[in-house]
C-alpha atoms as a PDB file:
ATOM      1  CA  UNK A   1       0.016   0.003  -0.023  1.00  0.00           C
ATOM      2  CA  UNK A   2       2.825   2.359   0.874  1.00  0.00           C
ATOM      3  CA  UNK A   3       4.592   1.560  -2.369  1.00  0.00           C
ATOM      4  CA  UNK A   4       1.412   2.350  -4.339  1.00  0.00           C
ATOM      5  CA  UNK A   5       1.041   5.776  -2.557  1.00  0.00           C
ATOM      6  CA  UNK A   6       4.653   6.610  -3.330  1.00  0.00           C
ATOM      7  CA  UNK A   7       4.200   5.819  -7.006  1.00  0.00           C
ATOM      8  CA  UNK A   8       1.003   7.937  -7.098  1.00  0.00           C
ATOM      9  CA  UNK A   9       2.812  10.900  -5.546  1.00  0.00           C
ATOM     10  CA  UNK A  10       5.710  10.617  -7.957  1.00  0.00           C
ATOM     11  CA  UNK A  11       3.361  10.525 -10.935  1.00  0.00           C
ATOM     12  CA  UNK A  12       1.457  13.548  -9.616  1.00  0.00           C
ATOM     13  CA  UNK A  13       4.709  15.490  -9.095  1.00  0.00           C
ATOM     14  CA  UNK A  14       6.076  14.831 -12.555  1.00  0.00           C
ATOM     15  CA  UNK A  15       2.943  14.712 -14.713  1.00  0.00           C
ATOM     16  CA  UNK A  16       1.112  17.747 -13.447  1.00  0.00           C
ATOM     17  CA  UNK A  17       3.816  20.319 -14.275  1.00  0.00           C
ATOM     18  CA  UNK A  18       4.219  18.727 -17.772  1.00  0.00           C
ATOM     19  CA  UNK A  19       0.504  18.977 -18.410  1.00  0.00           C
ATOM     20  CA  UNK A  20       0.401  22.518 -17.162  1.00  0.00           C
ATOM     21  CA  UNK A  21       3.374  23.535 -19.397  1.00  0.00           C
ATOM     22  CA  UNK A  22       1.672  21.884 -22.400  1.00  0.00           C
ATOM     23  CA  UNK A  23      -1.546  23.767 -21.700  1.00  0.00           C
ATOM     24  CA  UNK A  24       0.321  27.127 -21.493  1.00  0.00           C
ATOM     25  CA  UNK A  25       2.086  26.410 -24.777  1.00  0.00           C
ATOM     26  CA  UNK A  26      -1.178  25.649 -26.498  1.00  0.00           C
ATOM     27  CA  UNK A  27      -2.741  28.858 -25.201  1.00  0.00           C
ATOM     28  CA  UNK A  28       0.225  31.046 -26.080  1.00  0.00           C
ATOM     29  CA  UNK A  29       0.763  29.761 -29.600  1.00  0.00           C
ATOM     30  CA  UNK A  30      -2.499  28.568 -31.081  1.00  0.00           C
ATOM     31  CA  UNK A  31      -2.382  26.698 -34.376  1.00  0.00           C
ATOM     32  CA  UNK A  32      -3.684  28.877 -37.126  1.00  0.00           C
ATOM     33  CA  UNK A  33      -4.808  27.204 -40.320  1.00  0.00           C
ATOM     34  CA  UNK A  34      -4.894  29.741 -43.114  1.00  0.00           C
ATOM     35  CA  UNK A  35      -6.305  29.309 -46.626  1.00  0.00           C
ATOM     36  CA  UNK A  36      -4.133  30.005 -49.595  1.00  0.00           C
ATOM     37  CA  UNK A  37      -5.634  33.467 -50.013  1.00  0.00           C
ATOM     38  CA  UNK A  38      -5.240  34.396 -46.344  1.00  0.00           C
ATOM     39  CA  UNK A  39      -1.646  33.179 -46.307  1.00  0.00           C
ATOM     40  CA  UNK A  40      -0.877  35.242 -49.419  1.00  0.00           C
ATOM     41  CA  UNK A  41      -2.268  38.433 -47.741  1.00  0.00           C
ATOM     42  CA  UNK A  42      -0.255  37.727 -44.541  1.00  0.00           C
ATOM     43  CA  UNK A  43       2.929  37.076 -46.457  1.00  0.00           C
ATOM     44  CA  UNK A  44       2.586  40.236 -48.513  1.00  0.00           C
ATOM     45  CA  UNK A  45       1.777  42.530 -45.569  1.00  0.00           C
ATOM     46  CA  UNK A  46       4.345  41.030 -43.210  1.00  0.00           C
ATOM     47  CA  UNK A  47       7.173  41.133 -45.803  1.00  0.00           C
ATOM     48  CA  UNK A  48       6.345  44.775 -46.568  1.00  0.00           C
ATOM     49  CA  UNK A  49       6.268  45.635 -42.877  1.00  0.00           C
ATOM     50  CA  UNK A  50       9.733  44.138 -42.486  1.00  0.00           C
ATOM     51  CA  UNK A  51      11.094  45.913 -45.496  1.00  0.00           C
ATOM     52  CA  UNK A  52       9.464  49.244 -44.669  1.00  0.00           C
ATOM     53  CA  UNK A  53      11.607  49.927 -41.605  1.00  0.00           C
ATOM     54  CA  UNK A  54      14.846  49.002 -43.425  1.00  0.00           C
ATOM     55  CA  UNK A  55      13.769  51.100 -46.478  1.00  0.00           C
ATOM     56  CA  UNK A  56      13.056  54.153 -44.330  1.00  0.00           C
ATOM     57  CA  UNK A  57      16.384  53.887 -42.515  1.00  0.00           C
ATOM     58  CA  UNK A  58      18.460  53.218 -45.616  1.00  0.00           C
ATOM     59  CA  UNK A  59      17.080  56.155 -47.608  1.00  0.00           C
ATOM     60  CA  UNK A  60      17.104  58.522 -44.643  1.00  0.00           C
ATOM     61  CA  UNK A  61      20.807  57.677 -44.169  1.00  0.00           C
ATOM     62  CA  UNK A  62      21.482  58.032 -47.925  1.00  0.00           C
ATOM     63  CA  UNK A  63      19.809  61.450 -48.192  1.00  0.00           C
ATOM     64  CA  UNK A  64      21.501  62.646 -44.993  1.00  0.00           C
ATOM     65  CA  UNK A  65      25.025  61.680 -46.240  1.00  0.00           C
ATOM     66  CA  UNK A  66      24.267  63.315 -49.674  1.00  0.00           C
ATOM     67  CA  UNK A  67      23.074  66.503 -47.944  1.00  0.00           C
ATOM     68  CA  UNK A  68      26.047  66.796 -45.598  1.00  0.00           C
ATOM     69  CA  UNK A  69      28.556  65.796 -48.225  1.00  0.00           C
ATOM     70  CA  UNK A  70      27.318  68.141 -50.962  1.00  0.00           C
ATOM     71  CA  UNK A  71      26.992  71.099 -48.600  1.00  0.00           C
ATOM     72  CA  UNK A  72      30.468  70.450 -47.168  1.00  0.00           C
ATOM     73  CA  UNK A  73      32.150  70.318 -50.543  1.00  0.00           C
ATOM     74  CA  UNK A  74      30.308  73.396 -51.739  1.00  0.00           C
ATOM     75  CA  UNK A  75      31.231  75.358 -48.606  1.00  0.00           C
ATOM     76  CA  UNK A  76      34.869  74.324 -48.090  1.00  0.00           C
ATOM     77  CA  UNK A  77      36.213  73.322 -51.564  1.00  0.00           C
ATOM     78  CA  UNK A  78      38.839  75.865 -52.771  1.00  0.00           C
ATOM     79  CA  UNK A  79      37.775  78.118 -55.648  1.00  0.00           C
ATOM     80  CA  UNK A  80      40.373  76.610 -57.953  1.00  0.00           C
ATOM     81  CA  UNK A  81      38.922  73.181 -57.454  1.00  0.00           C
ATOM     82  CA  UNK A  82      35.312  73.843 -58.535  1.00  0.00           C
ATOM     83  CA  UNK A  83      33.649  76.669 -60.423  1.00  0.00           C
ATOM     84  CA  UNK A  84      30.758  78.808 -59.156  1.00  0.00           C
ATOM     85  CA  UNK A  85      28.137  76.937 -61.191  1.00  0.00           C
ATOM     86  CA  UNK A  86      29.281  73.538 -59.853  1.00  0.00           C
ATOM     87  CA  UNK A  87      29.304  75.009 -56.342  1.00  0.00           C
ATOM     88  CA  UNK A  88      25.695  76.217 -56.864  1.00  0.00           C
ATOM     89  CA  UNK A  89      24.753  72.757 -58.177  1.00  0.00           C
ATOM     90  CA  UNK A  90      26.116  71.156 -55.002  1.00  0.00           C
ATOM     91  CA  UNK A  91      24.089  73.514 -52.821  1.00  0.00           C
ATOM     92  CA  UNK A  92      20.993  72.562 -54.816  1.00  0.00           C
ATOM     93  CA  UNK A  93      21.767  68.836 -54.361  1.00  0.00           C
ATOM     94  CA  UNK A  94      22.195  69.401 -50.643  1.00  0.00           C
ATOM     95  CA  UNK A  95      18.835  71.212 -50.472  1.00  0.00           C
ATOM     96  CA  UNK A  96      17.060  68.413 -52.395  1.00  0.00           C
ATOM     97  CA  UNK A  97      18.640  65.748 -50.169  1.00  0.00           C
ATOM     98  CA  UNK A  98      17.553  67.660 -47.042  1.00  0.00           C
ATOM     99  CA  UNK A  99      13.952  67.567 -48.352  1.00  0.00           C
ATOM    100  CA  UNK A 100      14.327  63.848 -48.777  1.00  0.00           C
ATOM    101  CA  UNK A 101      15.517  63.415 -45.184  1.00  0.00           C
ATOM    102  CA  UNK A 102      12.543  65.510 -43.896  1.00  0.00           C
ATOM    103  CA  UNK A 103      10.134  63.463 -45.963  1.00  0.00           C
ATOM    104  CA  UNK A 104      11.362  60.142 -44.568  1.00  0.00           C
ATOM    105  CA  UNK A 105      11.448  61.470 -40.958  1.00  0.00           C
ATOM    106  CA  UNK A 106       8.085  63.330 -40.944  1.00  0.00           C
ATOM    107  CA  UNK A 107       6.165  60.860 -43.125  1.00  0.00           C
ATOM    108  CA  UNK A 108       7.833  57.430 -42.984  1.00  0.00           C
ATOM    109  CA  UNK A 109       6.288  54.393 -44.508  1.00  0.00           C
ATOM    110  CA  UNK A 110       4.634  52.438 -41.712  1.00  0.00           C
ATOM    111  CA  UNK A 111       2.399  49.387 -42.049  1.00  0.00           C
ATOM    112  CA  UNK A 112       0.087  48.036 -39.364  1.00  0.00           C
ATOM    113  CA  UNK A 113       0.409  44.266 -38.918  1.00  0.00           C
ATOM    114  CA  UNK A 114      -1.224  43.635 -35.567  1.00  0.00           C
ATOM    115  CA  UNK A 115      -2.153  39.974 -35.312  1.00  0.00           C
ATOM    116  CA  UNK A 116      -0.798  38.997 -38.737  1.00  0.00           C
ATOM    117  CA  UNK A 117       2.893  38.552 -38.135  1.00  0.00           C
ATOM    118  CA  UNK A 118       5.010  36.866 -35.473  1.00  0.00           C
ATOM    119  CA  UNK A 119       2.595  35.147 -32.988  1.00  0.00           C
ATOM    120  CA  UNK A 120      -0.371  34.911 -35.387  1.00  0.00           C
ATOM    121  CA  UNK A 121      -3.913  34.398 -34.259  1.00  0.00           C
ATOM    122  CA  UNK A 122      -7.057  33.824 -36.291  1.00  0.00           C
ATOM    123  CA  UNK A 123      -8.575  36.888 -37.835  1.00  0.00           C
ATOM    124  CA  UNK A 124     -11.641  37.328 -39.952  1.00  0.00           C
ATOM    125  CA  UNK A 125     -11.315  37.735 -43.675  1.00  0.00           C
ATOM    126  CA  UNK A 126     -12.618  41.312 -43.388  1.00  0.00           C
ATOM    127  CA  UNK A 127      -9.989  42.248 -40.838  1.00  0.00           C
ATOM    128  CA  UNK A 128      -7.211  40.625 -42.820  1.00  0.00           C
ATOM    129  CA  UNK A 129      -8.341  42.384 -46.002  1.00  0.00           C
ATOM    130  CA  UNK A 130      -8.574  45.689 -44.166  1.00  0.00           C
ATOM    131  CA  UNK A 131      -4.888  45.401 -43.156  1.00  0.00           C
ATOM    132  CA  UNK A 132      -4.046  44.703 -46.846  1.00  0.00           C
ATOM    133  CA  UNK A 133      -6.008  47.694 -48.071  1.00  0.00           C
ATOM    134  CA  UNK A 134      -4.366  50.054 -45.465  1.00  0.00           C
ATOM    135  CA  UNK A 135      -0.905  48.801 -46.369  1.00  0.00           C
ATOM    136  CA  UNK A 136      -1.647  49.205 -50.101  1.00  0.00           C
ATOM    137  CA  UNK A 137      -2.914  52.770 -49.522  1.00  0.00           C
ATOM    138  CA  UNK A 138       0.249  53.724 -47.598  1.00  0.00           C
ATOM    139  CA  UNK A 139       2.485  52.252 -50.303  1.00  0.00           C
ATOM    140  CA  UNK A 140       0.545  54.064 -53.039  1.00  0.00           C
ATOM    141  CA  UNK A 141       0.866  57.327 -51.137  1.00  0.00           C
ATOM    142  CA  UNK A 142       4.571  56.694 -50.769  1.00  0.00           C
ATOM    143  CA  UNK A 143       4.996  56.049 -54.525  1.00  0.00           C
ATOM    144  CA  UNK A 144       3.049  59.143 -55.511  1.00  0.00           C
ATOM    145  CA  UNK A 145       5.129  61.265 -53.127  1.00  0.00           C
ATOM    146  CA  UNK A 146       8.388  59.770 -54.321  1.00  0.00           C
ATOM    147  CA  UNK A 147       7.675  60.118 -58.026  1.00  0.00           C
ATOM    148  CA  UNK A 148       5.804  63.415 -58.282  1.00  0.00           C
ATOM    149  CA  UNK A 149       7.362  65.050 -55.227  1.00  0.00           C
ATOM    150  CA  UNK A 150      10.844  64.202 -56.541  1.00  0.00           C
ATOM    151  CA  UNK A 151       9.948  65.424 -60.009  1.00  0.00           C
ATOM    152  CA  UNK A 152       8.710  68.736 -58.608  1.00  0.00           C
ATOM    153  CA  UNK A 153      11.858  69.286 -56.508  1.00  0.00           C
ATOM    154  CA  UNK A 154      14.201  68.320 -59.320  1.00  0.00           C
ATOM    155  CA  UNK A 155      12.321  70.611 -61.730  1.00  0.00           C
ATOM    156  CA  UNK A 156      12.634  73.486 -59.263  1.00  0.00           C
ATOM    157  CA  UNK A 157      16.399  72.874 -59.142  1.00  0.00           C
ATOM    158  CA  UNK A 158      16.618  72.696 -62.892  1.00  0.00           C
ATOM    159  CA  UNK A 159      14.801  76.053 -63.316  1.00  0.00           C
ATOM    160  CA  UNK A 160      16.956  77.736 -60.664  1.00  0.00           C
ATOM    161  CA  UNK A 161      20.249  76.595 -62.099  1.00  0.00           C
ATOM    162  CA  UNK A 162      19.191  76.962 -65.709  1.00  0.00           C
ATOM    163  CA  UNK A 163      17.059  80.062 -65.885  1.00  0.00           C
ATOM    164  CA  UNK A 164      18.301  81.666 -62.672  1.00  0.00           C
ATOM    165  CA  UNK A 165      21.999  81.237 -63.150  1.00  0.00           C
ATOM    166  CA  UNK A 166      22.289  80.209 -66.825  1.00  0.00           C
ATOM    167  CA  UNK A 167      24.192  77.081 -65.775  1.00  0.00           C
ATOM    168  CA  UNK A 168      22.315  74.600 -67.956  1.00  0.00           C
ATOM    169  CA  UNK A 169      25.004  71.970 -67.855  1.00  0.00           C
ATOM    170  CA  UNK A 170      24.960  71.788 -64.033  1.00  0.00           C
ATOM    171  CA  UNK A 171      21.196  72.078 -64.108  1.00  0.00           C
ATOM    172  CA  UNK A 172      20.702  69.018 -66.332  1.00  0.00           C
ATOM    173  CA  UNK A 173      23.314  67.033 -64.440  1.00  0.00           C
ATOM    174  CA  UNK A 174      21.618  67.752 -61.121  1.00  0.00           C
ATOM    175  CA  UNK A 175      18.206  66.986 -62.576  1.00  0.00           C
ATOM    176  CA  UNK A 176      19.475  63.635 -64.034  1.00  0.00           C
ATOM    177  CA  UNK A 177      21.117  62.539 -60.833  1.00  0.00           C
ATOM    178  CA  UNK A 178      18.095  63.559 -58.723  1.00  0.00           C
ATOM    179  CA  UNK A 179      15.644  61.754 -60.990  1.00  0.00           C
ATOM    180  CA  UNK A 180      17.795  58.599 -60.951  1.00  0.00           C
ATOM    181  CA  UNK A 181      17.825  58.626 -57.188  1.00  0.00           C
ATOM    182  CA  UNK A 182      14.045  59.094 -57.126  1.00  0.00           C
ATOM    183  CA  UNK A 183      13.576  56.103 -59.402  1.00  0.00           C
ATOM    184  CA  UNK A 184      15.920  53.971 -57.418  1.00  0.00           C
ATOM    185  CA  UNK A 185      14.027  54.897 -54.189  1.00  0.00           C
ATOM    186  CA  UNK A 186      10.672  53.948 -55.790  1.00  0.00           C
ATOM    187  CA  UNK A 187      11.975  50.657 -57.229  1.00  0.00           C
ATOM    188  CA  UNK A 188      13.421  49.494 -53.911  1.00  0.00           C
ATOM    189  CA  UNK A 189      10.280  50.425 -51.868  1.00  0.00           C
ATOM    190  CA  UNK A 190       7.994  47.596 -50.477  1.00  0.00           C
ATOM    191  CA  UNK A 191       4.972  47.290 -52.778  1.00  0.00           C
ATOM    192  CA  UNK A 192       3.800  43.677 -52.354  1.00  0.00           C
ATOM    193  CA  UNK A 193       0.599  44.633 -50.585  1.00  0.00           C
ATOM    194  CA  UNK A 194      -0.230  47.295 -53.234  1.00  0.00           C
ATOM    195  CA  UNK A 195       0.338  44.850 -56.087  1.00  0.00           C
ATOM    196  CA  UNK A 196      -1.691  42.107 -54.421  1.00  0.00           C
ATOM    197  CA  UNK A 197      -4.561  44.481 -53.619  1.00  0.00           C
ATOM    198  CA  UNK A 198      -4.628  45.628 -57.240  1.00  0.00           C
ATOM    199  CA  UNK A 199      -4.680  41.995 -58.487  1.00  0.00           C
ATOM    200  CA  UNK A 200      -7.533  41.154 -56.092  1.00  0.00           C
ATOM    201  CA  UNK A 201      -9.501  44.219 -57.251  1.00  0.00           C
ATOM    202  CA  UNK A 202      -9.080  43.094 -60.887  1.00  0.00           C
ATOM    203  CA  UNK A 203     -10.210  39.563 -60.050  1.00  0.00           C
ATOM    204  CA  UNK A 204     -13.345  40.802 -58.320  1.00  0.00           C
ATOM    205  CA  UNK A 205     -15.212  43.564 -60.161  1.00  0.00           C
ATOM    206  CA  UNK A 206     -18.710  44.486 -61.366  1.00  0.00           C
ATOM    207  CA  UNK A 207     -19.399  46.037 -64.741  1.00  0.00           C
ATOM    208  CA  UNK A 208     -22.552  47.604 -66.086  1.00  0.00           C
ATOM    209  CA  UNK A 209     -23.528  46.322 -69.467  1.00  0.00           C
ATOM    210  CA  UNK A 210     -26.268  48.022 -71.575  1.00  0.00           C
ATOM    211  CA  UNK A 211     -28.988  45.699 -72.820  1.00  0.00           C
ATOM    212  CA  UNK A 212     -31.001  46.783 -75.845  1.00  0.00           C
ATOM    213  CA  UNK A 213     -33.786  44.478 -77.053  1.00  0.00           C
ATOM    214  CA  UNK A 214     -36.829  44.697 -79.330  1.00  0.00           C
ATOM    215  CA  UNK A 215     -39.254  45.211 -76.458  1.00  0.00           C
ATOM    216  CA  UNK A 216     -37.106  46.520 -73.627  1.00  0.00           C
ATOM    217  CA  UNK A 217     -33.937  48.489 -72.858  1.00  0.00           C
ATOM    218  CA  UNK A 218     -31.972  48.422 -69.654  1.00  0.00           C
ATOM    219  CA  UNK A 219     -28.680  47.803 -67.920  1.00  0.00           C
ATOM    220  CA  UNK A 220     -27.344  44.470 -66.649  1.00  0.00           C
ATOM    221  CA  UNK A 221     -24.677  43.972 -64.046  1.00  0.00           C
ATOM    222  CA  UNK A 222     -21.913  41.511 -64.859  1.00  0.00           C
ATOM    223  CA  UNK A 223     -19.326  40.443 -62.331  1.00  0.00           C
ATOM    224  CA  UNK A 224     -16.331  38.212 -62.002  1.00  0.00           C
ATOM    225  CA  UNK A 225     -15.385  36.499 -58.735  1.00  0.00           C
END
């Protein structure tokens, strides 16, 4: 009888902590079974979230180095090293790079991924799609700002150097370099969510088709899903 009680106590001592730990693990990391479409949304949003922070930091540092470097050369380079037009072009480059730094600091690309990445938990299709739409909107805003904002700034520099100073050679060099940097920034930006959302919108749409018959005229709705 004593031997039986000792075995029972030992089993209780060892098995209960193991069962409790297993229960905590199951509660902390629930198994989430995602459909192919849900997994595709999660992958796109989470990858863009990871890339967005690195993209913001990399381009902020790039613009900051360009601003400080261009301004330093323009301010301290001897006159026999560079001409006045080249010096003015360097100041314009520093000004454009400073605008780039401010844009990345004041309006960085940020993507909300609460519940989709890391320790995932089940979310409704509407919630998951809302995250995708929000990420796509932020990426679209970023692309528009990069392309058209950069074009406006580079055009302003071109007009200042060209019409204002008559230094058309420096003006076109500055415009070309600035435009190339803007294109590189846009091409390296995270856009998976935006592209996926556009594809889903194309796959699910409704069109109005006019119907004209001998006895009646109207409009029919045709959709693809």
